[in-house]
Amino acid sequence: MGGGYDRATVERTLPAVFDPDSAYGMKNDLAPDADMPKAQTDKKKGSNFPAQLADVRRAWERGPLSLVEKQALFMHYALDAHDDWIASFQGVTDRAVRYRIERGVGKLAAHLNGEKYIDGYDQLEEAA
């Protein structure tokens, strides 16, 4: 495995790819409560979200996504559109939209890890 990007990390980061101000509104789980005194910070426990955001943005621009996968991901993560709405826009079924979103996230994660995306058991046997 090349890098540390999994599907959950990509899915958590994708909404921020499309909104330049969204990273500033996200909650830092390591930050103390506002009414607590400030203490020394541990630099090793800082957030790596800005680096992940930059990586996912670059993968979005240069990654191996098809146009329909990009459309489905954008509508799902940026517009928060439901699958049936995306399906009517793309002229496919809800199931096809879910497949495109799932495949798109998988392709981005594989690209970020420097790996080839494997779509099903047939390609798994070919890659071996």
Protein backbone atom coordinates (compact mmCIF):
# COMPACT_ATOMS: atom_id res chain seq x y z
CA MET A 1 0.00 0.00 0.00
CA GLY A 2 1.50 3.30 -1.08
CA GLY A 3 -0.15 5.96 1.06
CA GLY A 4 -2.54 6.45 3.90
CA TYR A 5 -5.69 7.40 2.03
CA ASP A 6 -8.77 5.28 2.49
CA ARG A 7 -12.29 5.78 1.19
CA ALA A 8 -13.48 7.39 4.43
CA THR A 9 -10.75 10.04 4.29
CA VAL A 10 -11.58 10.88 0.67
CA GLU A 11 -15.33 11.04 1.43
CA ARG A 12 -14.73 13.29 4.44
CA THR A 13 -12.52 15.62 2.39
CA LEU A 14 -14.53 15.86 -0.86
CA PRO A 15 -17.09 18.45 0.35
CA ALA A 16 -14.24 20.83 1.19
CA VAL A 17 -12.75 20.43 -2.30
CA PHE A 18 -15.67 22.34 -3.77
CA ASP A 19 -16.03 25.02 -1.07
CA PRO A 20 -12.92 27.13 -0.40
CA ASP A 21 -14.30 28.35 2.94
CA SER A 22 -15.49 25.00 4.30
CA ALA A 23 -12.20 24.06 5.96
CA TYR A 24 -12.47 27.11 8.21
CA GLY A 25 -15.85 26.04 9.53
CA MET A 26 -14.87 22.47 10.39
CA LYS A 27 -14.58 21.44 14.01
CA ASN A 28 -11.13 20.57 15.34
CA ASP A 29 -11.62 17.59 17.66
CA LEU A 30 -8.30 18.29 19.40
CA ALA A 31 -9.09 21.93 20.23
CA PRO A 32 -9.98 22.76 23.84
CA ASP A 33 -13.37 24.18 24.73
CA ALA A 34 -13.65 27.92 24.19
CA ASP A 35 -14.03 28.61 27.91
CA MET A 36 -10.95 26.58 28.92
CA PRO A 37 -7.52 28.13 29.45
CA LYS A 38 -5.02 27.66 26.64
CA ALA A 39 -2.16 25.25 27.21
CA GLN A 40 0.95 24.17 25.36
CA THR A 41 0.03 22.52 22.07
CA ASP A 42 1.40 19.21 20.89
CA LYS A 43 2.54 19.78 17.29
CA LYS A 44 2.56 16.02 16.61
CA LYS A 45 -1.20 15.85 17.21
CA GLY A 46 -2.06 18.69 14.84
CA SER A 47 -4.58 18.28 12.07
CA ASN A 48 -3.39 16.94 8.74
CA PHE A 49 -6.64 18.03 7.08
CA PRO A 50 -5.09 20.90 5.06
CA ALA A 51 -2.56 18.49 3.51
CA GLN A 52 -5.29 15.94 2.79
CA LEU A 53 -7.43 18.64 1.22
CA ALA A 54 -4.58 19.73 -1.07
CA ASP A 55 -3.94 16.12 -2.09
CA VAL A 56 -7.60 15.37 -2.83
CA ARG A 57 -7.94 18.62 -4.81
CA ARG A 58 -4.96 17.66 -6.94
CA ALA A 59 -6.34 14.13 -7.43
CA TRP A 60 -9.69 15.64 -8.44
CA GLU A 61 -7.99 17.76 -11.11
CA ARG A 62 -5.53 15.16 -12.42
CA GLY A 63 -6.99 11.82 -11.38
CA PRO A 64 -8.49 9.09 -13.56
CA LEU A 65 -12.17 10.06 -13.18
CA SER A 66 -14.57 9.95 -16.11
CA LEU A 67 -16.92 12.85 -16.78
CA VAL A 68 -19.98 11.00 -15.44
CA GLU A 69 -18.09 10.04 -12.25
CA LYS A 70 -17.03 13.65 -11.74
CA GLN A 71 -20.61 14.82 -12.29
CA ALA A 72 -22.00 12.30 -9.81
CA LEU A 73 -19.35 13.09 -7.18
CA PHE A 74 -19.80 16.85 -7.58
CA MET A 75 -23.58 16.69 -7.31
CA HIS A 76 -23.40 14.32 -4.34
CA TYR A 77 -20.67 16.04 -2.28
CA ALA A 78 -20.87 19.68 -3.40
CA LEU A 79 -24.59 20.11 -4.04
CA ASP A 80 -25.71 17.45 -1.54
CA ALA A 81 -28.10 16.14 -4.19
CA HIS A 82 -30.03 12.90 -3.75
CA ASP A 83 -29.29 9.92 -5.96
CA ASP A 84 -32.65 10.12 -7.73
CA TRP A 85 -32.02 13.75 -8.74
CA ILE A 86 -28.54 12.90 -10.03
CA ALA A 87 -30.00 9.90 -11.87
CA SER A 88 -32.59 12.04 -13.64
CA PHE A 89 -29.88 14.53 -14.64
CA GLN A 90 -27.60 11.82 -16.00
CA GLY A 91 -30.42 9.73 -17.48
CA VAL A 92 -29.55 6.57 -15.55
CA THR A 93 -30.91 4.62 -12.58
CA ASP A 94 -30.26 5.39 -8.90
CA ARG A 95 -28.17 2.24 -8.75
CA ALA A 96 -25.93 3.48 -11.56
CA VAL A 97 -25.41 6.76 -9.69
CA ARG A 98 -24.43 4.94 -6.49
CA TYR A 99 -22.01 2.81 -8.51
CA ARG A 100 -20.45 5.90 -10.11
CA ILE A 101 -20.02 7.59 -6.73
CA GLU A 102 -18.55 4.46 -5.16
CA ARG A 103 -16.23 3.90 -8.11
CA GLY A 104 -15.17 7.56 -8.19
CA VAL A 105 -14.23 7.58 -4.50
CA GLY A 106 -12.34 4.33 -4.98
CA LYS A 107 -10.46 5.70 -7.99
CA LEU A 108 -9.46 8.83 -6.07
CA ALA A 109 -8.25 6.80 -3.07
CA ALA A 110 -6.25 4.47 -5.32
CA HIS A 111 -4.76 7.42 -7.22
CA LEU A 112 -3.74 9.11 -3.97
CA ASN A 113 -2.08 5.89 -2.80
CA GLY A 114 -0.25 5.47 -6.11
CA GLU A 115 -2.13 2.26 -6.87
CA LYS A 116 -4.20 1.01 -9.78
CA TYR A 117 -7.94 0.96 -9.10
CA ILE A 118 -9.31 -2.58 -9.25
CA ASP A 119 -12.98 -2.79 -10.15
CA GLY A 120 -14.18 -6.31 -9.42
CA TYR A 121 -12.73 -9.79 -9.25
CA ASP A 122 -11.95 -10.02 -12.98
CA GLN A 123 -9.47 -7.16 -12.77
CA LEU A 124 -8.07 -8.56 -9.52
CA GLU A 125 -7.05 -11.76 -11.30
CA GLU A 126 -5.53 -9.77 -14.18
CA ALA A 127 -3.49 -7.63 -11.76
CA ALA A 128 -2.04 -10.70 -9.99
